[in-house]
Amino acid sequence: MIHGHEVLAMMQGKTYTEEGLLKAISERFGSDERFYTCSAENLTAQGLIDFLKEHGKFMPMDDGFTVDTSNVCDHEQ
């Protein structure tokens, strides 16, 4: 399983649509990979995106969204 922090780190400096992020996650980590966060585990890529959205980890941009670095926990994984 991959920690959600790795996806957030991958997003820094880039803008994504939800479809684009799902594709980027699949290309980088594999389409069957599972993810975990500080409070959830065994998430699919779509489940991770939904989780991150619900927890305010994304910042809207004109053509999608990016990671909101001011709202990312900074503890060790």
PDB file of N, CA and C in Angstrom:
ATOM      1  N   MET A   1       0.843  -1.188   0.000  1.00  0.00           N
ATOM      2  CA  MET A   1       0.000   0.000   0.000  1.00  0.00           C
ATOM      3  C   MET A   1       0.885   1.246   0.000  1.00  0.00           C
ATOM      4  N   ILE A   2       0.387   2.277  -0.646  1.00  0.00           N
ATOM      5  CA  ILE A   2       1.090   3.546  -0.795  1.00  0.00           C
ATOM      6  C   ILE A   2       0.403   4.588   0.090  1.00  0.00           C
ATOM      7  N   HIS A   3       1.197   5.397   0.802  1.00  0.00           N
ATOM      8  CA  HIS A   3       0.613   6.457   1.627  1.00  0.00           C
ATOM      9  C   HIS A   3       0.133   7.589   0.736  1.00  0.00           C
ATOM     10  N   GLY A   4      -0.985   8.170   1.079  1.00  0.00           N
ATOM     11  CA  GLY A   4      -1.553   9.288   0.332  1.00  0.00           C
ATOM     12  C   GLY A   4      -0.605  10.464   0.188  1.00  0.00           C
ATOM     13  N   HIS A   5       0.353  10.600   1.122  1.00  0.00           N
ATOM     14  CA  HIS A   5       1.338  11.685   1.018  1.00  0.00           C
ATOM     15  C   HIS A   5       2.118  11.598  -0.287  1.00  0.00           C
ATOM     16  N   GLU A   6       2.338  10.387  -0.784  1.00  0.00           N
ATOM     17  CA  GLU A   6       3.084  10.228  -2.039  1.00  0.00           C
ATOM     18  C   GLU A   6       2.299  10.799  -3.218  1.00  0.00           C
ATOM     19  N   VAL A   7       1.001  10.652  -3.194  1.00  0.00           N
ATOM     20  CA  VAL A   7       0.161  11.240  -4.242  1.00  0.00           C
ATOM     21  C   VAL A   7       0.169  12.757  -4.112  1.00  0.00           C
ATOM     22  N   LEU A   8       0.048  13.271  -2.900  1.00  0.00           N
ATOM     23  CA  LEU A   8       0.077  14.716  -2.699  1.00  0.00           C
ATOM     24  C   LEU A   8       1.416  15.300  -3.143  1.00  0.00           C
ATOM     25  N   ALA A   9       2.495  14.617  -2.847  1.00  0.00           N
ATOM     26  CA  ALA A   9       3.821  15.084  -3.272  1.00  0.00           C
ATOM     27  C   ALA A   9       3.918  15.083  -4.796  1.00  0.00           C
ATOM     28  N   MET A  10       3.371  14.082  -5.438  1.00  0.00           N
ATOM     29  CA  MET A  10       3.369  14.001  -6.895  1.00  0.00           C
ATOM     30  C   MET A  10       2.606  15.169  -7.512  1.00  0.00           C
ATOM     31  N   MET A  11       1.597  15.661  -6.816  1.00  0.00           N
ATOM     32  CA  MET A  11       0.745  16.728  -7.331  1.00  0.00           C
ATOM     33  C   MET A  11       1.363  18.115  -7.216  1.00  0.00           C
ATOM     34  N   GLN A  12       2.337  18.295  -6.350  1.00  0.00           N
ATOM     35  CA  GLN A  12       2.872  19.635  -6.101  1.00  0.00           C
ATOM     36  C   GLN A  12       3.367  20.275  -7.388  1.00  0.00           C
ATOM     37  N   GLY A  13       2.924  21.512  -7.613  1.00  0.00           N
ATOM     38  CA  GLY A  13       3.335  22.271  -8.779  1.00  0.00           C
ATOM     39  C   GLY A  13       2.594  21.905 -10.054  1.00  0.00           C
ATOM     40  N   LYS A  14       1.613  21.019  -9.960  1.00  0.00           N
ATOM     41  CA  LYS A  14       0.864  20.590 -11.143  1.00  0.00           C
ATOM     42  C   LYS A  14      -0.629  20.774 -10.902  1.00  0.00           C
ATOM     43  N   THR A  15      -1.361  20.955 -11.979  1.00  0.00           N
ATOM     44  CA  THR A  15      -2.810  21.086 -11.917  1.00  0.00           C
ATOM     45  C   THR A  15      -3.439  19.868 -12.572  1.00  0.00           C
ATOM     46  N   TYR A  16      -4.497  19.364 -11.961  1.00  0.00           N
ATOM     47  CA  TYR A  16      -5.172  18.163 -12.447  1.00  0.00           C
ATOM     48  C   TYR A  16      -6.676  18.369 -12.502  1.00  0.00           C
ATOM     49  N   THR A  17      -7.321  17.661 -13.396  1.00  0.00           N
ATOM     50  CA  THR A  17      -8.752  17.407 -13.298  1.00  0.00           C
ATOM     51  C   THR A  17      -8.851  16.092 -12.524  1.00  0.00           C
ATOM     52  N   GLU A  18     -10.039  15.727 -12.111  1.00  0.00           N
ATOM     53  CA  GLU A  18     -10.165  14.460 -11.393  1.00  0.00           C
ATOM     54  C   GLU A  18      -9.774  13.288 -12.298  1.00  0.00           C
ATOM     55  N   GLU A  19     -10.207  13.333 -13.555  1.00  0.00           N
ATOM     56  CA  GLU A  19      -9.840  12.277 -14.512  1.00  0.00           C
ATOM     57  C   GLU A  19      -8.334  12.228 -14.719  1.00  0.00           C
ATOM     58  N   GLY A  20      -7.715  13.402 -14.854  1.00  0.00           N
ATOM     59  CA  GLY A  20      -6.277  13.472 -15.072  1.00  0.00           C
ATOM     60  C   GLY A  20      -5.492  12.941 -13.884  1.00  0.00           C
ATOM     61  N   LEU A  21      -5.967  13.240 -12.677  1.00  0.00           N
ATOM     62  CA  LEU A  21      -5.292  12.755 -11.482  1.00  0.00           C
ATOM     63  C   LEU A  21      -5.419  11.243 -11.384  1.00  0.00           C
ATOM     64  N   LEU A  22      -6.588  10.734 -11.658  1.00  0.00           N
ATOM     65  CA  LEU A  22      -6.790   9.288 -11.621  1.00  0.00           C
ATOM     66  C   LEU A  22      -5.843   8.601 -12.607  1.00  0.00           C
ATOM     67  N   LYS A  23      -5.700   9.150 -13.797  1.00  0.00           N
ATOM     68  CA  LYS A  23      -4.794   8.595 -14.800  1.00  0.00           C
ATOM     69  C   LYS A  23      -3.344   8.674 -14.331  1.00  0.00           C
ATOM     70  N   ALA A  24      -2.949   9.828 -13.763  1.00  0.00           N
ATOM     71  CA  ALA A  24      -1.569   9.998 -13.289  1.00  0.00           C
ATOM     72  C   ALA A  24      -1.247   9.025 -12.155  1.00  0.00           C
ATOM     73  N   ILE A  25      -2.189   8.822 -11.246  1.00  0.00           N
ATOM     74  CA  ILE A  25      -1.988   7.860 -10.151  1.00  0.00           C
ATOM     75  C   ILE A  25      -1.811   6.459 -10.722  1.00  0.00           C
ATOM     76  N   SER A  26      -2.665   6.090 -11.660  1.00  0.00           N
ATOM     77  CA  SER A  26      -2.594   4.764 -12.267  1.00  0.00           C
ATOM     78  C   SER A  26      -1.264   4.561 -12.992  1.00  0.00           C
ATOM     79  N   GLU A  27      -0.820   5.575 -13.728  1.00  0.00           N
ATOM     80  CA  GLU A  27       0.441   5.467 -14.457  1.00  0.00           C
ATOM     81  C   GLU A  27       1.637   5.367 -13.518  1.00  0.00           C
ATOM     82  N   ARG A  28       1.586   6.097 -12.423  1.00  0.00           N
ATOM     83  CA  ARG A  28       2.732   6.111 -11.513  1.00  0.00           C
ATOM     84  C   ARG A  28       2.765   4.911 -10.570  1.00  0.00           C
ATOM     85  N   PHE A  29       1.602   4.540 -10.031  1.00  0.00           N
ATOM     86  CA  PHE A  29       1.556   3.521  -8.985  1.00  0.00           C
ATOM     87  C   PHE A  29       0.917   2.202  -9.420  1.00  0.00           C
ATOM     88  N   GLY A  30       0.278   2.190 -10.570  1.00  0.00           N
ATOM     89  CA  GLY A  30      -0.414   0.994 -11.033  1.00  0.00           C
ATOM     90  C   GLY A  30      -1.912   1.104 -10.794  1.00  0.00           C
ATOM     91  N   SER A  31      -2.666   0.478 -11.667  1.00  0.00           N
ATOM     92  CA  SER A  31      -4.126   0.624 -11.594  1.00  0.00           C
ATOM     93  C   SER A  31      -4.764  -0.165 -10.450  1.00  0.00           C
ATOM     94  N   ASP A  32      -4.050  -1.128  -9.897  1.00  0.00           N
ATOM     95  CA  ASP A  32      -4.619  -1.942  -8.821  1.00  0.00           C
ATOM     96  C   ASP A  32      -4.056  -1.604  -7.439  1.00  0.00           C
ATOM     97  N   GLU A  33      -3.202  -0.588  -7.367  1.00  0.00           N
ATOM     98  CA  GLU A  33      -2.573  -0.234  -6.086  1.00  0.00           C
ATOM     99  C   GLU A  33      -3.630   0.260  -5.098  1.00  0.00           C
ATOM    100  N   ARG A  34      -3.389  -0.003  -3.843  1.00  0.00           N
ATOM    101  CA  ARG A  34      -4.248   0.484  -2.760  1.00  0.00           C
ATOM    102  C   ARG A  34      -3.463   1.528  -1.971  1.00  0.00           C
ATOM    103  N   PHE A  35      -4.207   2.423  -1.314  1.00  0.00           N
ATOM    104  CA  PHE A  35      -3.609   3.559  -0.623  1.00  0.00           C
ATOM    105  C   PHE A  35      -4.117   3.634   0.812  1.00  0.00           C
ATOM    106  N   TYR A  36      -3.334   4.302   1.637  1.00  0.00           N
ATOM    107  CA  TYR A  36      -3.770   4.558   3.013  1.00  0.00           C
ATOM    108  C   TYR A  36      -3.413   5.989   3.374  1.00  0.00           C
ATOM    109  N   THR A  37      -4.074   6.490   4.410  1.00  0.00           N
ATOM    110  CA  THR A  37      -3.825   7.835   4.928  1.00  0.00           C
ATOM    111  C   THR A  37      -3.711   7.732   6.437  1.00  0.00           C
ATOM    112  N   CYS A  38      -3.656   8.862   7.068  1.00  0.00           N
ATOM    113  CA  CYS A  38      -3.562   8.882   8.534  1.00  0.00           C
ATOM    114  C   CYS A  38      -4.790   8.251   9.191  1.00  0.00           C
ATOM    115  N   SER A  39      -5.930   8.284   8.483  1.00  0.00           N
ATOM    116  CA  SER A  39      -7.152   7.794   9.121  1.00  0.00           C
ATOM    117  C   SER A  39      -7.971   6.828   8.270  1.00  0.00           C
ATOM    118  N   ALA A  40      -7.420   6.368   7.143  1.00  0.00           N
ATOM    119  CA  ALA A  40      -8.141   5.419   6.294  1.00  0.00           C
ATOM    120  C   ALA A  40      -7.128   4.484   5.639  1.00  0.00           C
ATOM    121  N   GLU A  41      -7.612   3.321   5.239  1.00  0.00           N
ATOM    122  CA  GLU A  41      -6.709   2.386   4.565  1.00  0.00           C
ATOM    123  C   GLU A  41      -7.478   1.581   3.533  1.00  0.00           C
ATOM    124  N   ASN A  42      -6.717   0.889   2.676  1.00  0.00           N
ATOM    125  CA  ASN A  42      -7.263   0.042   1.630  1.00  0.00           C
ATOM    126  C   ASN A  42      -8.142   0.821   0.650  1.00  0.00           C
ATOM    127  N   LEU A  43      -7.715   2.039   0.310  1.00  0.00           N
ATOM    128  CA  LEU A  43      -8.459   2.891  -0.612  1.00  0.00           C
ATOM    129  C   LEU A  43      -8.018   2.625  -2.051  1.00  0.00           C
ATOM    130  N   THR A  44      -8.962   2.608  -2.969  1.00  0.00           N
ATOM    131  CA  THR A  44      -8.624   2.606  -4.387  1.00  0.00           C
ATOM    132  C   THR A  44      -8.143   4.016  -4.736  1.00  0.00           C
ATOM    133  N   ALA A  45      -7.638   4.201  -5.941  1.00  0.00           N
ATOM    134  CA  ALA A  45      -7.221   5.546  -6.364  1.00  0.00           C
ATOM    135  C   ALA A  45      -8.410   6.502  -6.305  1.00  0.00           C
ATOM    136  N   GLN A  46      -9.577   6.077  -6.788  1.00  0.00           N
ATOM    137  CA  GLN A  46     -10.757   6.942  -6.728  1.00  0.00           C
ATOM    138  C   GLN A  46     -11.162   7.206  -5.283  1.00  0.00           C
ATOM    139  N   GLY A  47     -11.078   6.193  -4.448  1.00  0.00           N
ATOM    140  CA  GLY A  47     -11.388   6.372  -3.034  1.00  0.00           C
ATOM    141  C   GLY A  47     -10.446   7.358  -2.372  1.00  0.00           C
ATOM    142  N   LEU A  48      -9.168   7.312  -2.747  1.00  0.00           N
ATOM    143  CA  LEU A  48      -8.196   8.261  -2.196  1.00  0.00           C
ATOM    144  C   LEU A  48      -8.518   9.676  -2.654  1.00  0.00           C
ATOM    145  N   ILE A  49      -8.827   9.845  -3.936  1.00  0.00           N
ATOM    146  CA  ILE A  49      -9.187  11.175  -4.440  1.00  0.00           C
ATOM    147  C   ILE A  49     -10.398  11.704  -3.693  1.00  0.00           C
ATOM    148  N   ASP A  50     -11.424  10.885  -3.533  1.00  0.00           N
ATOM    149  CA  ASP A  50     -12.626  11.308  -2.798  1.00  0.00           C
ATOM    150  C   ASP A  50     -12.279  11.690  -1.363  1.00  0.00           C
ATOM    151  N   PHE A  51     -11.448  10.887  -0.709  1.00  0.00           N
ATOM    152  CA  PHE A  51     -11.027  11.155   0.663  1.00  0.00           C
ATOM    153  C   PHE A  51     -10.289  12.496   0.744  1.00  0.00           C
ATOM    154  N   LEU A  52      -9.335  12.707  -0.152  1.00  0.00           N
ATOM    155  CA  LEU A  52      -8.548  13.940  -0.129  1.00  0.00           C
ATOM    156  C   LEU A  52      -9.419  15.163  -0.408  1.00  0.00           C
ATOM    157  N   LYS A  53     -10.363  15.010  -1.322  1.00  0.00           N
ATOM    158  CA  LYS A  53     -11.300  16.099  -1.619  1.00  0.00           C
ATOM    159  C   LYS A  53     -12.114  16.456  -0.382  1.00  0.00           C
ATOM    160  N   GLU A  54     -12.671  15.442   0.255  1.00  0.00           N
ATOM    161  CA  GLU A  54     -13.514  15.648   1.439  1.00  0.00           C
ATOM    162  C   GLU A  54     -12.744  16.289   2.583  1.00  0.00           C
ATOM    163  N   HIS A  55     -11.432  16.067   2.637  1.00  0.00           N
ATOM    164  CA  HIS A  55     -10.615  16.605   3.722  1.00  0.00           C
ATOM    165  C   HIS A  55      -9.885  17.883   3.348  1.00  0.00           C
ATOM    166  N   GLY A  56     -10.305  18.522   2.256  1.00  0.00           N
ATOM    167  CA  GLY A  56      -9.793  19.840   1.886  1.00  0.00           C
ATOM    168  C   GLY A  56      -8.336  19.862   1.462  1.00  0.00           C
ATOM    169  N   LYS A  57      -7.854  18.776   0.889  1.00  0.00           N
ATOM    170  CA  LYS A  57      -6.439  18.709   0.494  1.00  0.00           C
ATOM    171  C   LYS A  57      -6.180  19.308  -0.891  1.00  0.00           C
ATOM    172  N   PHE A  58      -7.239  19.683  -1.616  1.00  0.00           N
ATOM    173  CA  PHE A  58      -7.092  20.239  -2.956  1.00  0.00           C
ATOM    174  C   PHE A  58      -7.444  21.721  -2.961  1.00  0.00           C
ATOM    175  N   MET A  59      -6.760  22.479  -3.805  1.00  0.00           N
ATOM    176  CA  MET A  59      -7.012  23.898  -3.985  1.00  0.00           C
ATOM    177  C   MET A  59      -7.492  24.099  -5.426  1.00  0.00           C
ATOM    178  N   PRO A  60      -8.665  24.727  -5.607  1.00  0.00           N
ATOM    179  CA  PRO A  60      -9.179  24.936  -6.967  1.00  0.00           C
ATOM    180  C   PRO A  60      -8.237  25.815  -7.795  1.00  0.00           C
ATOM    181  N   MET A  61      -8.145  25.484  -9.072  1.00  0.00           N
ATOM    182  CA  MET A  61      -7.391  26.272 -10.045  1.00  0.00           C
ATOM    183  C   MET A  61      -8.328  26.524 -11.224  1.00  0.00           C
ATOM    184  N   ASP A  62      -7.934  27.416 -12.120  1.00  0.00           N
ATOM    185  CA  ASP A  62      -8.787  27.728 -13.274  1.00  0.00           C
ATOM    186  C   ASP A  62      -9.151  26.490 -14.084  1.00  0.00           C
ATOM    187  N   ASP A  63      -8.208  25.579 -14.254  1.00  0.00           N
ATOM    188  CA  ASP A  63      -8.440  24.425 -15.107  1.00  0.00           C
ATOM    189  C   ASP A  63      -8.424  23.106 -14.342  1.00  0.00           C
ATOM    190  N   GLY A  64      -8.764  23.139 -13.073  1.00  0.00           N
ATOM    191  CA  GLY A  64      -8.803  21.926 -12.262  1.00  0.00           C
ATOM    192  C   GLY A  64      -8.484  22.230 -10.808  1.00  0.00           C
ATOM    193  N   PHE A  65      -7.531  21.495 -10.247  1.00  0.00           N
ATOM    194  CA  PHE A  65      -7.139  21.695  -8.856  1.00  0.00           C
ATOM    195  C   PHE A  65      -5.707  21.229  -8.679  1.00  0.00           C
ATOM    196  N   THR A  66      -5.115  21.631  -7.577  1.00  0.00           N
ATOM    197  CA  THR A  66      -3.782  21.190  -7.200  1.00  0.00           C
ATOM    198  C   THR A  66      -3.806  20.851  -5.719  1.00  0.00           C
ATOM    199  N   VAL A  67      -2.690  20.430  -5.182  1.00  0.00           N
ATOM    200  CA  VAL A  67      -2.616  20.121  -3.761  1.00  0.00           C
ATOM    201  C   VAL A  67      -2.538  21.435  -2.984  1.00  0.00           C
ATOM    202  N   ASP A  68      -3.273  21.517  -1.905  1.00  0.00           N
ATOM    203  CA  ASP A  68      -3.215  22.672  -0.998  1.00  0.00           C
ATOM    204  C   ASP A  68      -2.160  22.360   0.050  1.00  0.00           C
ATOM    205  N   THR A  69      -0.943  22.819  -0.189  1.00  0.00           N
ATOM    206  CA  THR A  69       0.170  22.477   0.694  1.00  0.00           C
ATOM    207  C   THR A  69      -0.007  23.037   2.101  1.00  0.00           C
ATOM    208  N   SER A  70      -0.870  24.032   2.261  1.00  0.00           N
ATOM    209  CA  SER A  70      -1.097  24.573   3.604  1.00  0.00           C
ATOM    210  C   SER A  70      -1.991  23.663   4.436  1.00  0.00           C
ATOM    211  N   ASN A  71      -2.599  22.660   3.800  1.00  0.00           N
ATOM    212  CA  ASN A  71      -3.523  21.768   4.501  1.00  0.00           C
ATOM    213  C   ASN A  71      -3.064  20.312   4.437  1.00  0.00           C
ATOM    214  N   VAL A  72      -1.746  20.108   4.378  1.00  0.00           N
ATOM    215  CA  VAL A  72      -1.204  18.756   4.355  1.00  0.00           C
ATOM    216  C   VAL A  72      -0.456  18.525   5.662  1.00  0.00           C
ATOM    217  N   CYS A  73      -0.788  17.454   6.354  1.00  0.00           N
ATOM    218  CA  CYS A  73      -0.094  17.172   7.611  1.00  0.00           C
ATOM    219  C   CYS A  73       1.384  16.887   7.310  1.00  0.00           C
ATOM    220  N   ASP A  74       2.220  17.224   8.264  1.00  0.00           N
ATOM    221  CA  ASP A  74       3.662  17.124   7.993  1.00  0.00           C
ATOM    222  C   ASP A  74       4.372  16.120   8.895  1.00  0.00           C
ATOM    223  N   HIS A  75       3.627  15.186   9.473  1.00  0.00           N
ATOM    224  CA  HIS A  75       4.254  14.168  10.314  1.00  0.00           C
ATOM    225  C   HIS A  75       4.906  13.097   9.447  1.00  0.00           C
ATOM    226  N   GLU A  76       5.692  12.282  10.056  1.00  0.00           N
ATOM    227  CA  GLU A  76       6.322  11.172   9.330  1.00  0.00           C
ATOM    228  C   GLU A  76       5.275  10.151   8.960  1.00  0.00           C
ATOM    229  N   GLN A  77       5.468   9.477   7.851  1.00  0.00           N
ATOM    230  CA  GLN A  77       4.489   8.496   7.368  1.00  0.00           C
ATOM    231  C   GLN A  77       4.496   7.250   8.210  1.00  0.00           C
TER     232      GLN A  77
END
